[in-house]
Structure formats: C-alpha cells, structure tokens
C-alpha cells in the first residue's frame, strides 16, 4: 500500500489536533512546529509515539525528526520513510 503526502498530512493534522488541541486551520504545510504550533522537543517525541501505528515496523531516529522545522518537513520525512520497505 502506498500512502500519499495528502494522506500523511491529513493524519498528521488529526494527530496534532487530537493530541495537542491545535486548531486544524493553523496546521498548514508551512506552519513551523515550534514557532507557530508550539511543538517543542518533548511534544515531538509524543507526536512520534502517536504516529507509530502509521509507521508499522519502520523505526524513526528522533535526531532525524529534530531536523524538521515545518509540518511540510514532517510530511516529506514520513513520506520518504514510508516509501522504504519495512
């Protein structure tokens, strides 16, 4: 099964809203995690935990995630990760 970037964004938007009570309208591809959405490094780990079911058996290195600054970066990173075989 191939997942699209739009599907990843939708899942990410839902997760950010459900987990951190962020208004979905604020969650855009250009939104900066820290500056716009107030997602700090601790929150980022919580986000990774919430996204784990989407990743299946794939592992994500937290340091890889720390380089991501925008929601779009996260979508692109997850898409790249999900494009790799499990």
C-alpha atoms as a PDB file:
ATOM      1  CA  UNK A   1       0.000   0.000   0.000  1.00  0.00           C
ATOM      2  CA  UNK A   2       1.285   3.399  -0.996  1.00  0.00           C
ATOM      3  CA  UNK A   3       0.315   6.396   1.079  1.00  0.00           C
ATOM      4  CA  UNK A   4       0.197   9.880  -0.421  1.00  0.00           C
ATOM      5  CA  UNK A   5       1.577  13.065   1.076  1.00  0.00           C
ATOM      6  CA  UNK A   6      -2.004  14.343   1.312  1.00  0.00           C
ATOM      7  CA  UNK A   7      -2.973  11.304   3.400  1.00  0.00           C
ATOM      8  CA  UNK A   8       0.065  11.790   5.637  1.00  0.00           C
ATOM      9  CA  UNK A   9      -0.801  15.478   6.078  1.00  0.00           C
ATOM     10  CA  UNK A  10      -4.395  14.601   6.949  1.00  0.00           C
ATOM     11  CA  UNK A  11      -3.270  12.056   9.552  1.00  0.00           C
ATOM     12  CA  UNK A  12      -0.723  14.493  10.956  1.00  0.00           C
ATOM     13  CA  UNK A  13      -3.336  17.241  11.149  1.00  0.00           C
ATOM     14  CA  UNK A  14      -5.722  14.934  13.015  1.00  0.00           C
ATOM     15  CA  UNK A  15      -2.962  13.780  15.384  1.00  0.00           C
ATOM     16  CA  UNK A  16      -1.808  17.326  16.153  1.00  0.00           C
ATOM     17  CA  UNK A  17      -5.389  18.398  16.809  1.00  0.00           C
ATOM     18  CA  UNK A  18      -6.296  15.366  18.949  1.00  0.00           C
ATOM     19  CA  UNK A  19      -3.032  15.233  20.906  1.00  0.00           C
ATOM     20  CA  UNK A  20      -2.188  18.914  21.372  1.00  0.00           C
ATOM     21  CA  UNK A  21      -5.594  20.564  20.810  1.00  0.00           C
ATOM     22  CA  UNK A  22      -4.207  22.681  17.956  1.00  0.00           C
ATOM     23  CA  UNK A  23      -6.795  24.366  15.748  1.00  0.00           C
ATOM     24  CA  UNK A  24      -6.739  22.412  12.444  1.00  0.00           C
ATOM     25  CA  UNK A  25      -6.785  25.687  10.489  1.00  0.00           C
ATOM     26  CA  UNK A  26      -3.382  26.559  11.993  1.00  0.00           C
ATOM     27  CA  UNK A  27      -1.897  23.277  10.764  1.00  0.00           C
ATOM     28  CA  UNK A  28      -0.614  24.053   7.283  1.00  0.00           C
ATOM     29  CA  UNK A  29       2.375  22.675   5.405  1.00  0.00           C
ATOM     30  CA  UNK A  30       4.170  25.976   6.041  1.00  0.00           C
ATOM     31  CA  UNK A  31       3.396  26.063   9.775  1.00  0.00           C
ATOM     32  CA  UNK A  32       6.558  25.977  11.884  1.00  0.00           C
ATOM     33  CA  UNK A  33       6.380  23.337  14.589  1.00  0.00           C
ATOM     34  CA  UNK A  34       7.938  25.396  17.377  1.00  0.00           C
ATOM     35  CA  UNK A  35       7.140  28.980  16.400  1.00  0.00           C
ATOM     36  CA  UNK A  36       3.613  28.547  15.029  1.00  0.00           C
ATOM     37  CA  UNK A  37       2.308  25.394  16.724  1.00  0.00           C
ATOM     38  CA  UNK A  38       4.381  25.464  19.939  1.00  0.00           C
ATOM     39  CA  UNK A  39       5.556  21.854  19.446  1.00  0.00           C
ATOM     40  CA  UNK A  40       8.777  21.557  21.457  1.00  0.00           C
ATOM     41  CA  UNK A  41      11.185  18.615  21.599  1.00  0.00           C
ATOM     42  CA  UNK A  42       9.165  16.817  24.297  1.00  0.00           C
ATOM     43  CA  UNK A  43       5.983  17.268  22.268  1.00  0.00           C
ATOM     44  CA  UNK A  44       7.819  15.976  19.200  1.00  0.00           C
ATOM     45  CA  UNK A  45       8.505  12.682  20.986  1.00  0.00           C
ATOM     46  CA  UNK A  46       4.812  12.448  21.926  1.00  0.00           C
ATOM     47  CA  UNK A  47       3.951  13.104  18.287  1.00  0.00           C
ATOM     48  CA  UNK A  48       6.255  10.296  17.144  1.00  0.00           C
ATOM     49  CA  UNK A  49       4.559   7.919  19.581  1.00  0.00           C
ATOM     50  CA  UNK A  50       1.153   8.901  18.191  1.00  0.00           C
ATOM     51  CA  UNK A  51       2.352   8.369  14.600  1.00  0.00           C
ATOM     52  CA  UNK A  52       3.866   4.944  15.339  1.00  0.00           C
ATOM     53  CA  UNK A  53       0.841   2.993  14.011  1.00  0.00           C
ATOM     54  CA  UNK A  54       1.279   4.709  10.630  1.00  0.00           C
ATOM     55  CA  UNK A  55       4.936   3.684  10.500  1.00  0.00           C
ATOM     56  CA  UNK A  56       4.370  -0.020  11.020  1.00  0.00           C
ATOM     57  CA  UNK A  57       7.660  -1.772  11.786  1.00  0.00           C
ATOM     58  CA  UNK A  58       9.767   1.101  10.477  1.00  0.00           C
ATOM     59  CA  UNK A  59      11.911   2.901  13.005  1.00  0.00           C
ATOM     60  CA  UNK A  60      12.400   6.640  13.007  1.00  0.00           C
ATOM     61  CA  UNK A  61      15.521   8.122  14.514  1.00  0.00           C
ATOM     62  CA  UNK A  62      14.478  11.010  16.801  1.00  0.00           C
ATOM     63  CA  UNK A  63      17.503  13.024  15.652  1.00  0.00           C
ATOM     64  CA  UNK A  64      16.110  12.805  12.100  1.00  0.00           C
ATOM     65  CA  UNK A  65      12.842  14.252  13.368  1.00  0.00           C
ATOM     66  CA  UNK A  66      14.589  17.107  15.221  1.00  0.00           C
ATOM     67  CA  UNK A  67      15.834  18.479  11.888  1.00  0.00           C
ATOM     68  CA  UNK A  68      12.265  19.065  10.763  1.00  0.00           C
ATOM     69  CA  UNK A  69      11.071  22.628  11.232  1.00  0.00           C
ATOM     70  CA  UNK A  70       7.685  22.739   9.476  1.00  0.00           C
ATOM     71  CA  UNK A  71       4.662  20.493   9.113  1.00  0.00           C
ATOM     72  CA  UNK A  72       5.700  20.095   5.470  1.00  0.00           C
ATOM     73  CA  UNK A  73       9.119  18.809   6.586  1.00  0.00           C
ATOM     74  CA  UNK A  74       7.374  16.183   8.718  1.00  0.00           C
ATOM     75  CA  UNK A  75       5.104  15.153   5.847  1.00  0.00           C
ATOM     76  CA  UNK A  76       8.085  14.849   3.481  1.00  0.00           C
ATOM     77  CA  UNK A  77      10.120  12.927   6.058  1.00  0.00           C
ATOM     78  CA  UNK A  78       7.314  10.493   6.828  1.00  0.00           C
ATOM     79  CA  UNK A  79       6.624  10.033   3.109  1.00  0.00           C
ATOM     80  CA  UNK A  80      10.288   9.180   2.499  1.00  0.00           C
ATOM     81  CA  UNK A  81      10.277   6.784   5.436  1.00  0.00           C
ATOM     82  CA  UNK A  82       7.026   5.119   4.357  1.00  0.00           C
ATOM     83  CA  UNK A  83       8.374   4.739   0.812  1.00  0.00           C
ATOM     84  CA  UNK A  84      11.059   2.405   2.140  1.00  0.00           C
ATOM     85  CA  UNK A  85      10.296  -1.300   2.573  1.00  0.00           C
ATOM     86  CA  UNK A  86       9.504  -2.428   6.125  1.00  0.00           C
END
